[in-house]
C-alpha atoms as a PDB file:
ATOM      1  CA  UNK A   1      30.192  53.186  14.574  1.00  0.00           C
ATOM      2  CA  UNK A   2      26.497  52.376  14.293  1.00  0.00           C
ATOM      3  CA  UNK A   3      24.136  54.919  15.802  1.00  0.00           C
ATOM      4  CA  UNK A   4      23.216  53.959  19.332  1.00  0.00           C
ATOM      5  CA  UNK A   5      20.379  55.887  21.037  1.00  0.00           C
ATOM      6  CA  UNK A   6      21.552  58.100  23.863  1.00  0.00           C
ATOM      7  CA  UNK A   7      19.394  56.298  26.430  1.00  0.00           C
ATOM      8  CA  UNK A   8      20.905  52.923  25.466  1.00  0.00           C
ATOM      9  CA  UNK A   9      24.433  54.331  25.440  1.00  0.00           C
ATOM     10  CA  UNK A  10      23.955  55.876  28.882  1.00  0.00           C
ATOM     11  CA  UNK A  11      22.457  52.696  30.302  1.00  0.00           C
ATOM     12  CA  UNK A  12      25.350  50.596  28.951  1.00  0.00           C
ATOM     13  CA  UNK A  13      27.884  52.994  30.457  1.00  0.00           C
ATOM     14  CA  UNK A  14      26.087  52.951  33.792  1.00  0.00           C
ATOM     15  CA  UNK A  15      26.462  49.141  33.786  1.00  0.00           C
ATOM     16  CA  UNK A  16      30.157  49.333  32.927  1.00  0.00           C
ATOM     17  CA  UNK A  17      29.561  47.963  29.399  1.00  0.00           C
ATOM     18  CA  UNK A  18      31.788  50.307  27.390  1.00  0.00           C
ATOM     19  CA  UNK A  19      33.404  47.260  25.809  1.00  0.00           C
ATOM     20  CA  UNK A  20      29.989  46.134  24.529  1.00  0.00           C
ATOM     21  CA  UNK A  21      29.401  49.537  22.937  1.00  0.00           C
ATOM     22  CA  UNK A  22      32.824  49.445  21.284  1.00  0.00           C
ATOM     23  CA  UNK A  23      32.235  45.911  19.952  1.00  0.00           C
ATOM     24  CA  UNK A  24      28.684  46.603  18.705  1.00  0.00           C
ATOM     25  CA  UNK A  25      29.601  47.181  15.026  1.00  0.00           C
ATOM     26  CA  UNK A  26      31.508  43.880  14.929  1.00  0.00           C
ATOM     27  CA  UNK A  27      28.680  42.057  16.722  1.00  0.00           C
ATOM     28  CA  UNK A  28      26.107  43.379  14.255  1.00  0.00           C
ATOM     29  CA  UNK A  29      28.315  42.498  11.316  1.00  0.00           C
ATOM     30  CA  UNK A  30      28.848  38.930  12.511  1.00  0.00           C
ATOM     31  CA  UNK A  31      25.112  38.417  12.975  1.00  0.00           C
ATOM     32  CA  UNK A  32      24.433  39.827   9.503  1.00  0.00           C
ATOM     33  CA  UNK A  33      26.717  37.191   8.043  1.00  0.00           C
ATOM     34  CA  UNK A  34      25.579  34.272  10.191  1.00  0.00           C
ATOM     35  CA  UNK A  35      21.825  34.971   9.979  1.00  0.00           C
ATOM     36  CA  UNK A  36      21.847  36.242   6.377  1.00  0.00           C
ATOM     37  CA  UNK A  37      20.277  39.562   7.306  1.00  0.00           C
ATOM     38  CA  UNK A  38      20.880  43.179   6.378  1.00  0.00           C
ATOM     39  CA  UNK A  39      20.651  45.577   9.331  1.00  0.00           C
ATOM     40  CA  UNK A  40      19.305  49.043   8.684  1.00  0.00           C
ATOM     41  CA  UNK A  41      17.874  51.951  10.653  1.00  0.00           C
ATOM     42  CA  UNK A  42      18.322  52.084  14.395  1.00  0.00           C
ATOM     43  CA  UNK A  43      15.039  52.188  16.331  1.00  0.00           C
ATOM     44  CA  UNK A  44      14.558  54.648  19.195  1.00  0.00           C
ATOM     45  CA  UNK A  45      12.532  54.382  22.356  1.00  0.00           C
ATOM     46  CA  UNK A  46      14.234  51.611  24.378  1.00  0.00           C
ATOM     47  CA  UNK A  47      16.774  51.693  27.160  1.00  0.00           C
ATOM     48  CA  UNK A  48      17.861  48.066  27.642  1.00  0.00           C
ATOM     49  CA  UNK A  49      18.919  47.057  24.135  1.00  0.00           C
ATOM     50  CA  UNK A  50      20.210  48.162  20.752  1.00  0.00           C
ATOM     51  CA  UNK A  51      17.301  47.659  18.330  1.00  0.00           C
ATOM     52  CA  UNK A  52      17.411  48.046  14.550  1.00  0.00           C
ATOM     53  CA  UNK A  53      15.410  47.193  11.478  1.00  0.00           C
ATOM     54  CA  UNK A  54      16.614  44.150   9.547  1.00  0.00           C
ATOM     55  CA  UNK A  55      15.733  42.381   6.317  1.00  0.00           C
ATOM     56  CA  UNK A  56      16.157  38.628   5.925  1.00  0.00           C
ATOM     57  CA  UNK A  57      17.607  36.896   2.888  1.00  0.00           C
ATOM     58  CA  UNK A  58      14.113  36.110   1.569  1.00  0.00           C
ATOM     59  CA  UNK A  59      13.098  39.778   1.843  1.00  0.00           C
ATOM     60  CA  UNK A  60      10.975  39.368   5.002  1.00  0.00           C
ATOM     61  CA  UNK A  61      11.276  42.285   7.398  1.00  0.00           C
ATOM     62  CA  UNK A  62      12.524  41.701  10.945  1.00  0.00           C
ATOM     63  CA  UNK A  63      14.000  43.494  13.938  1.00  0.00           C
ATOM     64  CA  UNK A  64      17.393  42.799  15.502  1.00  0.00           C
ATOM     65  CA  UNK A  65      17.513  43.232  19.273  1.00  0.00           C
ATOM     66  CA  UNK A  66      20.815  43.134  21.151  1.00  0.00           C
ATOM     67  CA  UNK A  67      20.358  43.279  24.923  1.00  0.00           C
ATOM     68  CA  UNK A  68      22.939  45.130  26.979  1.00  0.00           C
ATOM     69  CA  UNK A  69      24.759  42.249  28.666  1.00  0.00           C
ATOM     70  CA  UNK A  70      24.372  41.862  32.393  1.00  0.00           C
ATOM     71  CA  UNK A  71      23.876  38.139  32.761  1.00  0.00           C
ATOM     72  CA  UNK A  72      22.979  35.564  30.137  1.00  0.00           C
ATOM     73  CA  UNK A  73      19.778  34.993  32.130  1.00  0.00           C
ATOM     74  CA  UNK A  74      18.308  38.234  30.791  1.00  0.00           C
ATOM     75  CA  UNK A  75      18.391  36.995  27.203  1.00  0.00           C
ATOM     76  CA  UNK A  76      17.486  33.417  28.168  1.00  0.00           C
ATOM     77  CA  UNK A  77      14.441  34.715  30.089  1.00  0.00           C
ATOM     78  CA  UNK A  78      13.063  36.740  27.179  1.00  0.00           C
ATOM     79  CA  UNK A  79      13.813  33.974  24.654  1.00  0.00           C
ATOM     80  CA  UNK A  80      11.988  31.380  26.747  1.00  0.00           C
ATOM     81  CA  UNK A  81       8.978  33.654  27.112  1.00  0.00           C
ATOM     82  CA  UNK A  82       8.789  34.421  23.390  1.00  0.00           C
ATOM     83  CA  UNK A  83       9.171  30.752  22.457  1.00  0.00           C
ATOM     84  CA  UNK A  84       6.320  29.818  24.786  1.00  0.00           C
ATOM     85  CA  UNK A  85       4.094  32.618  23.460  1.00  0.00           C
ATOM     86  CA  UNK A  86       4.929  31.455  19.918  1.00  0.00           C
ATOM     87  CA  UNK A  87       3.875  34.666  18.264  1.00  0.00           C
ATOM     88  CA  UNK A  88       0.408  34.690  19.864  1.00  0.00           C
ATOM     89  CA  UNK A  89      -0.064  38.093  21.498  1.00  0.00           C
ATOM     90  CA  UNK A  90       3.680  38.787  21.394  1.00  0.00           C
ATOM     91  CA  UNK A  91       6.187  39.421  18.632  1.00  0.00           C
ATOM     92  CA  UNK A  92       7.364  36.129  17.069  1.00  0.00           C
ATOM     93  CA  UNK A  93      10.934  35.045  17.790  1.00  0.00           C
ATOM     94  CA  UNK A  94      12.707  34.164  14.523  1.00  0.00           C
ATOM     95  CA  UNK A  95      16.267  33.438  15.659  1.00  0.00           C
ATOM     96  CA  UNK A  96      18.276  33.835  18.842  1.00  0.00           C
ATOM     97  CA  UNK A  97      21.742  33.520  20.359  1.00  0.00           C
ATOM     98  CA  UNK A  98      21.758  33.431  24.167  1.00  0.00           C
ATOM     99  CA  UNK A  99      25.525  33.841  24.471  1.00  0.00           C
ATOM    100  CA  UNK A 100      25.468  37.113  22.539  1.00  0.00           C
ATOM    101  CA  UNK A 101      22.117  38.257  23.985  1.00  0.00           C
ATOM    102  CA  UNK A 102      20.797  38.550  20.431  1.00  0.00           C
ATOM    103  CA  UNK A 103      17.227  38.124  19.183  1.00  0.00           C
ATOM    104  CA  UNK A 104      15.743  38.397  15.715  1.00  0.00           C
ATOM    105  CA  UNK A 105      12.045  39.246  15.881  1.00  0.00           C
ATOM    106  CA  UNK A 106       9.223  39.726  13.429  1.00  0.00           C
ATOM    107  CA  UNK A 107       8.807  43.360  12.336  1.00  0.00           C
ATOM    108  CA  UNK A 108       5.602  44.924  13.597  1.00  0.00           C
ATOM    109  CA  UNK A 109       3.948  48.229  12.773  1.00  0.00           C
ATOM    110  CA  UNK A 110       2.901  51.459  14.438  1.00  0.00           C
ATOM    111  CA  UNK A 111       3.168  51.688  18.245  1.00  0.00           C
ATOM    112  CA  UNK A 112      -0.180  52.036  19.987  1.00  0.00           C
ATOM    113  CA  UNK A 113       1.096  55.159  21.751  1.00  0.00           C
ATOM    114  CA  UNK A 114       1.389  56.963  18.392  1.00  0.00           C
ATOM    115  CA  UNK A 115      -2.249  56.421  17.369  1.00  0.00           C
ATOM    116  CA  UNK A 116      -3.827  58.769  19.936  1.00  0.00           C
ATOM    117  CA  UNK A 117      -6.779  56.460  20.524  1.00  0.00           C
ATOM    118  CA  UNK A 118      -9.270  57.019  23.355  1.00  0.00           C
ATOM    119  CA  UNK A 119      -8.365  55.367  26.633  1.00  0.00           C
ATOM    120  CA  UNK A 120     -11.216  52.870  26.464  1.00  0.00           C
ATOM    121  CA  UNK A 121     -10.128  51.631  23.041  1.00  0.00           C
ATOM    122  CA  UNK A 122      -6.477  51.361  24.116  1.00  0.00           C
ATOM    123  CA  UNK A 123      -7.471  49.286  27.157  1.00  0.00           C
ATOM    124  CA  UNK A 124      -9.538  46.980  24.954  1.00  0.00           C
ATOM    125  CA  UNK A 125      -6.595  46.451  22.600  1.00  0.00           C
ATOM    126  CA  UNK A 126      -4.200  45.712  25.434  1.00  0.00           C
ATOM    127  CA  UNK A 127      -6.646  43.329  27.111  1.00  0.00           C
ATOM    128  CA  UNK A 128      -7.019  41.407  23.841  1.00  0.00           C
ATOM    129  CA  UNK A 129      -3.239  41.026  23.479  1.00  0.00           C
ATOM    130  CA  UNK A 130      -2.915  39.873  27.104  1.00  0.00           C
ATOM    131  CA  UNK A 131      -5.624  37.256  26.809  1.00  0.00           C
ATOM    132  CA  UNK A 132      -3.802  35.623  23.892  1.00  0.00           C
ATOM    133  CA  UNK A 133      -0.651  35.239  26.009  1.00  0.00           C
ATOM    134  CA  UNK A 134      -2.202  33.850  29.197  1.00  0.00           C
ATOM    135  CA  UNK A 135      -1.637  30.085  29.326  1.00  0.00           C
ATOM    136  CA  UNK A 136      -0.389  27.494  31.851  1.00  0.00           C
ATOM    137  CA  UNK A 137       3.375  27.037  31.879  1.00  0.00           C
ATOM    138  CA  UNK A 138       4.040  24.967  35.042  1.00  0.00           C
ATOM    139  CA  UNK A 139       7.531  23.916  33.947  1.00  0.00           C
ATOM    140  CA  UNK A 140       8.726  27.448  33.116  1.00  0.00           C
ATOM    141  CA  UNK A 141      11.604  29.000  35.056  1.00  0.00           C
ATOM    142  CA  UNK A 142       9.993  32.426  35.526  1.00  0.00           C
ATOM    143  CA  UNK A 143       9.541  34.260  38.816  1.00  0.00           C
ATOM    144  CA  UNK A 144       6.140  33.754  40.396  1.00  0.00           C
ATOM    145  CA  UNK A 145       3.595  36.419  41.141  1.00  0.00           C
ATOM    146  CA  UNK A 146       4.235  35.897  44.865  1.00  0.00           C
ATOM    147  CA  UNK A 147       7.972  36.453  44.376  1.00  0.00           C
ATOM    148  CA  UNK A 148       7.331  39.589  42.328  1.00  0.00           C
ATOM    149  CA  UNK A 149       4.927  40.826  44.984  1.00  0.00           C
ATOM    150  CA  UNK A 150       7.545  40.426  47.729  1.00  0.00           C
ATOM    151  CA  UNK A 151      10.066  42.279  45.587  1.00  0.00           C
ATOM    152  CA  UNK A 152       7.632  45.121  44.958  1.00  0.00           C
ATOM    153  CA  UNK A 153       6.849  45.437  48.674  1.00  0.00           C
ATOM    154  CA  UNK A 154      10.524  45.671  49.585  1.00  0.00           C
ATOM    155  CA  UNK A 155      11.233  48.124  46.769  1.00  0.00           C
ATOM    156  CA  UNK A 156       8.359  50.444  47.747  1.00  0.00           C
ATOM    157  CA  UNK A 157       9.256  50.473  51.447  1.00  0.00           C
ATOM    158  CA  UNK A 158      12.915  51.252  50.765  1.00  0.00           C
ATOM    159  CA  UNK A 159      12.435  53.719  47.904  1.00  0.00           C
ATOM    160  CA  UNK A 160       9.751  55.766  49.666  1.00  0.00           C
ATOM    161  CA  UNK A 161      12.191  56.561  52.453  1.00  0.00           C
ATOM    162  CA  UNK A 162      15.198  57.110  50.151  1.00  0.00           C
ATOM    163  CA  UNK A 163      13.255  59.565  47.983  1.00  0.00           C
ATOM    164  CA  UNK A 164      12.047  61.672  50.889  1.00  0.00           C
ATOM    165  CA  UNK A 165       8.531  60.255  51.123  1.00  0.00           C
ATOM    166  CA  UNK A 166       7.135  61.727  47.880  1.00  0.00           C
ATOM    167  CA  UNK A 167       3.601  60.403  48.542  1.00  0.00           C
ATOM    168  CA  UNK A 168       1.548  59.966  51.678  1.00  0.00           C
ATOM    169  CA  UNK A 169       2.252  57.263  54.253  1.00  0.00           C
ATOM    170  CA  UNK A 170      -1.337  56.097  53.833  1.00  0.00           C
ATOM    171  CA  UNK A 171      -0.759  55.544  50.096  1.00  0.00           C
ATOM    172  CA  UNK A 172       2.260  53.344  50.842  1.00  0.00           C
ATOM    173  CA  UNK A 173       0.469  51.463  53.624  1.00  0.00           C
ATOM    174  CA  UNK A 174      -2.515  50.807  51.374  1.00  0.00           C
ATOM    175  CA  UNK A 175      -0.325  49.565  48.492  1.00  0.00           C
ATOM    176  CA  UNK A 176       1.625  47.242  50.818  1.00  0.00           C
ATOM    177  CA  UNK A 177      -1.611  45.825  52.278  1.00  0.00           C
ATOM    178  CA  UNK A 178      -2.885  45.177  48.765  1.00  0.00           C
ATOM    179  CA  UNK A 179       0.232  43.369  47.622  1.00  0.00           C
ATOM    180  CA  UNK A 180       0.284  41.246  50.786  1.00  0.00           C
ATOM    181  CA  UNK A 181      -3.177  39.982  49.836  1.00  0.00           C
ATOM    182  CA  UNK A 182      -2.003  39.169  46.295  1.00  0.00           C
ATOM    183  CA  UNK A 183       1.027  37.326  47.657  1.00  0.00           C
ATOM    184  CA  UNK A 184      -1.226  35.271  49.924  1.00  0.00           C
ATOM    185  CA  UNK A 185      -3.600  34.546  47.036  1.00  0.00           C
ATOM    186  CA  UNK A 186      -0.911  33.141  44.713  1.00  0.00           C
ATOM    187  CA  UNK A 187      -1.689  29.613  43.588  1.00  0.00           C
ATOM    188  CA  UNK A 188       0.747  27.687  41.418  1.00  0.00           C
ATOM    189  CA  UNK A 189      -2.128  25.674  39.992  1.00  0.00           C
ATOM    190  CA  UNK A 190      -3.891  28.815  38.705  1.00  0.00           C
ATOM    191  CA  UNK A 191      -0.814  30.775  37.648  1.00  0.00           C
ATOM    192  CA  UNK A 192      -0.405  31.508  33.955  1.00  0.00           C
ATOM    193  CA  UNK A 193       2.194  33.073  31.704  1.00  0.00           C
ATOM    194  CA  UNK A 194       1.843  36.852  31.983  1.00  0.00           C
ATOM    195  CA  UNK A 195       3.674  39.589  30.063  1.00  0.00           C
ATOM    196  CA  UNK A 196       4.365  41.711  33.115  1.00  0.00           C
ATOM    197  CA  UNK A 197       4.703  45.166  31.507  1.00  0.00           C
ATOM    198  CA  UNK A 198       1.573  45.805  29.466  1.00  0.00           C
ATOM    199  CA  UNK A 199       1.232  49.407  28.290  1.00  0.00           C
ATOM    200  CA  UNK A 200       0.738  51.389  25.093  1.00  0.00           C
ATOM    201  CA  UNK A 201       4.473  51.804  24.430  1.00  0.00           C
ATOM    202  CA  UNK A 202       4.886  48.000  24.430  1.00  0.00           C
ATOM    203  CA  UNK A 203       2.070  47.329  21.943  1.00  0.00           C
ATOM    204  CA  UNK A 204       2.634  47.513  18.178  1.00  0.00           C
ATOM    205  CA  UNK A 205       0.157  47.080  15.340  1.00  0.00           C
ATOM    206  CA  UNK A 206       0.462  44.118  13.038  1.00  0.00           C
ATOM    207  CA  UNK A 207       2.200  44.904   9.716  1.00  0.00           C
ATOM    208  CA  UNK A 208      -1.196  44.885   7.940  1.00  0.00           C
ATOM    209  CA  UNK A 209      -2.251  47.908  10.066  1.00  0.00           C
ATOM    210  CA  UNK A 210      -4.004  48.687  13.362  1.00  0.00           C
ATOM    211  CA  UNK A 211      -7.311  47.215  12.202  1.00  0.00           C
ATOM    212  CA  UNK A 212      -5.622  43.804  11.936  1.00  0.00           C
ATOM    213  CA  UNK A 213      -4.648  43.785  15.636  1.00  0.00           C
ATOM    214  CA  UNK A 214      -1.712  44.357  17.939  1.00  0.00           C
ATOM    215  CA  UNK A 215       1.087  42.375  19.583  1.00  0.00           C
ATOM    216  CA  UNK A 216       3.199  43.084  22.678  1.00  0.00           C
ATOM    217  CA  UNK A 217       6.966  43.444  22.863  1.00  0.00           C
ATOM    218  CA  UNK A 218       9.588  43.494  25.635  1.00  0.00           C
ATOM    219  CA  UNK A 219       8.019  40.997  28.035  1.00  0.00           C
ATOM    220  CA  UNK A 220       9.118  40.834  31.694  1.00  0.00           C
ATOM    221  CA  UNK A 221       7.625  37.354  31.972  1.00  0.00           C
ATOM    222  CA  UNK A 222       6.067  35.945  35.149  1.00  0.00           C
ATOM    223  CA  UNK A 223       4.017  32.991  36.321  1.00  0.00           C
ATOM    224  CA  UNK A 224       1.195  34.750  38.110  1.00  0.00           C
ATOM    225  CA  UNK A 225      -2.539  35.258  38.220  1.00  0.00           C
ATOM    226  CA  UNK A 226      -3.659  36.912  35.011  1.00  0.00           C
ATOM    227  CA  UNK A 227      -4.857  39.917  36.989  1.00  0.00           C
ATOM    228  CA  UNK A 228      -1.254  40.993  37.382  1.00  0.00           C
ATOM    229  CA  UNK A 229      -1.172  42.186  33.759  1.00  0.00           C
ATOM    230  CA  UNK A 230      -4.432  44.019  34.227  1.00  0.00           C
ATOM    231  CA  UNK A 231      -3.023  45.731  37.314  1.00  0.00           C
ATOM    232  CA  UNK A 232      -0.427  47.342  35.050  1.00  0.00           C
ATOM    233  CA  UNK A 233      -3.343  48.923  33.132  1.00  0.00           C
ATOM    234  CA  UNK A 234      -4.561  50.348  36.464  1.00  0.00           C
ATOM    235  CA  UNK A 235      -1.280  52.177  37.005  1.00  0.00           C
ATOM    236  CA  UNK A 236      -1.089  53.665  33.497  1.00  0.00           C
ATOM    237  CA  UNK A 237      -3.074  56.775  32.490  1.00  0.00           C
ATOM    238  CA  UNK A 238      -3.410  57.908  36.118  1.00  0.00           C
ATOM    239  CA  UNK A 239      -5.112  61.259  35.417  1.00  0.00           C
ATOM    240  CA  UNK A 240      -8.530  59.713  34.565  1.00  0.00           C
ATOM    241  CA  UNK A 241      -8.394  57.857  37.884  1.00  0.00           C
ATOM    242  CA  UNK A 242      -8.488  61.258  39.621  1.00  0.00           C
ATOM    243  CA  UNK A 243     -11.850  61.923  38.046  1.00  0.00           C
ATOM    244  CA  UNK A 244     -15.007  60.029  39.041  1.00  0.00           C
ATOM    245  CA  UNK A 245     -14.867  56.502  40.476  1.00  0.00           C
ATOM    246  CA  UNK A 246     -11.293  55.113  40.132  1.00  0.00           C
ATOM    247  CA  UNK A 247     -12.595  51.550  40.743  1.00  0.00           C
ATOM    248  CA  UNK A 248     -14.683  51.685  37.581  1.00  0.00           C
ATOM    249  CA  UNK A 249     -11.640  50.866  35.407  1.00  0.00           C
ATOM    250  CA  UNK A 250     -11.010  47.688  37.395  1.00  0.00           C
ATOM    251  CA  UNK A 251     -14.628  46.635  36.955  1.00  0.00           C
ATOM    252  CA  UNK A 252     -14.427  47.297  33.211  1.00  0.00           C
ATOM    253  CA  UNK A 253     -11.177  45.317  32.801  1.00  0.00           C
ATOM    254  CA  UNK A 254     -12.715  42.429  34.766  1.00  0.00           C
ATOM    255  CA  UNK A 255     -15.802  42.421  32.595  1.00  0.00           C
ATOM    256  CA  UNK A 256     -13.766  42.384  29.383  1.00  0.00           C
ATOM    257  CA  UNK A 257     -11.531  39.532  30.490  1.00  0.00           C
ATOM    258  CA  UNK A 258     -13.605  37.455  32.886  1.00  0.00           C
ATOM    259  CA  UNK A 259     -11.113  38.090  35.728  1.00  0.00           C
ATOM    260  CA  UNK A 260     -11.483  39.324  39.307  1.00  0.00           C
ATOM    261  CA  UNK A 261     -11.900  43.077  39.768  1.00  0.00           C
ATOM    262  CA  UNK A 262     -10.543  43.076  43.318  1.00  0.00           C
ATOM    263  CA  UNK A 263      -7.308  41.342  42.289  1.00  0.00           C
ATOM    264  CA  UNK A 264      -6.918  43.775  39.382  1.00  0.00           C
ATOM    265  CA  UNK A 265      -7.428  46.717  41.721  1.00  0.00           C
ATOM    266  CA  UNK A 266      -4.937  45.429  44.290  1.00  0.00           C
ATOM    267  CA  UNK A 267      -2.165  44.769  41.771  1.00  0.00           C
ATOM    268  CA  UNK A 268      -2.848  48.252  40.396  1.00  0.00           C
ATOM    269  CA  UNK A 269      -2.377  49.792  43.844  1.00  0.00           C
ATOM    270  CA  UNK A 270       1.160  48.425  44.336  1.00  0.00           C
ATOM    271  CA  UNK A 271       2.161  48.955  40.682  1.00  0.00           C
ATOM    272  CA  UNK A 272       0.986  52.593  40.800  1.00  0.00           C
ATOM    273  CA  UNK A 273       3.141  53.367  43.827  1.00  0.00           C
ATOM    274  CA  UNK A 274       6.198  51.382  42.730  1.00  0.00           C
ATOM    275  CA  UNK A 275       6.212  52.875  39.242  1.00  0.00           C
ATOM    276  CA  UNK A 276       5.531  56.346  40.614  1.00  0.00           C
ATOM    277  CA  UNK A 277       8.626  55.946  42.795  1.00  0.00           C
ATOM    278  CA  UNK A 278      10.719  54.723  39.858  1.00  0.00           C
ATOM    279  CA  UNK A 279       9.581  57.717  37.806  1.00  0.00           C
ATOM    280  CA  UNK A 280      10.378  60.024  40.731  1.00  0.00           C
ATOM    281  CA  UNK A 281      13.903  58.632  40.960  1.00  0.00           C
ATOM    282  CA  UNK A 282      14.611  59.370  37.278  1.00  0.00           C
ATOM    283  CA  UNK A 283      12.632  62.649  37.343  1.00  0.00           C
ATOM    284  CA  UNK A 284      10.066  61.520  34.803  1.00  0.00           C
ATOM    285  CA  UNK A 285       7.474  64.207  35.170  1.00  0.00           C
ATOM    286  CA  UNK A 286       4.558  64.775  35.236  1.00  0.00           C
ATOM    287  CA  UNK A 287       4.025  60.979  35.188  1.00  0.00           C
ATOM    288  CA  UNK A 288       5.597  60.396  38.612  1.00  0.00           C
ATOM    289  CA  UNK A 289       3.570  63.090  40.276  1.00  0.00           C
ATOM    290  CA  UNK A 290       0.331  61.976  38.608  1.00  0.00           C
ATOM    291  CA  UNK A 291       0.764  58.319  39.636  1.00  0.00           C
ATOM    292  CA  UNK A 292       1.497  59.227  43.236  1.00  0.00           C
ATOM    293  CA  UNK A 293      -1.403  61.685  43.350  1.00  0.00           C
ATOM    294  CA  UNK A 294      -3.686  58.871  42.182  1.00  0.00           C
ATOM    295  CA  UNK A 295      -2.186  56.614  44.867  1.00  0.00           C
ATOM    296  CA  UNK A 296      -2.940  59.230  47.522  1.00  0.00           C
ATOM    297  CA  UNK A 297      -6.500  59.604  46.272  1.00  0.00           C
ATOM    298  CA  UNK A 298      -7.420  55.899  46.340  1.00  0.00           C
ATOM    299  CA  UNK A 299      -5.843  55.457  49.771  1.00  0.00           C
ATOM    300  CA  UNK A 300      -8.178  58.163  51.181  1.00  0.00           C
ATOM    301  CA  UNK A 301     -11.333  56.567  49.786  1.00  0.00           C
END
């Protein structure tokens, strides 16, 4: 049996996918034969897929990603996004099989989270990767920013009650007001392809090294205003938001990208609360507490 990370094994079992776990060695073996690859070391850090290093027949390094099957739409969604990005800002898709939820991706280098760079530099790197992805995609089948906003609003309202109200009512009310404004502002004509989950764990250096640049992995994929991606950067690293002017980060992100600071701030407000609630549910501490403390702070200002 190939080594499967504990988080992936537990997620598969929670989804009733014991059969997928049992069949994984055979699935990997069949893809090795069909794609002329050799699969090596399992990669840690994910929860939604088995990921391992691979080497192609010509010696080029790659990564094999096998998504835990839920619906074929999960694989189709990621494949469509990566094909549209075409290796610009995101890992390049080399081969795929929708039916088996299998992707072969270019091998990238060191994760940004392992480099211990200052926050300002990390934000610059992530902004640069985002900007390379943003492009019109009017015929794409992705969820819109308005649809994602409505989902976030419903999730926050329900989860806050279910989890015993782990942040203030004013923080939730403020986040919901912000996302309502973003929903109302959605414009199909202005919407672009956005990654949807931009953070330092989803950014890897190019094989030539960090000085050569970074690409993003594991896209959620939306058609939204570009500020949605920058709102993710407002939810991450919440501790610095507790010090000084929390709006300064939004202004800085807007200046670097030419986007609207208010939209960035408002997406950050709902993302901070929703992700803080997710982290609370799975007891990811101190991140959950820090995000919700930041949400409480900005709601009082």
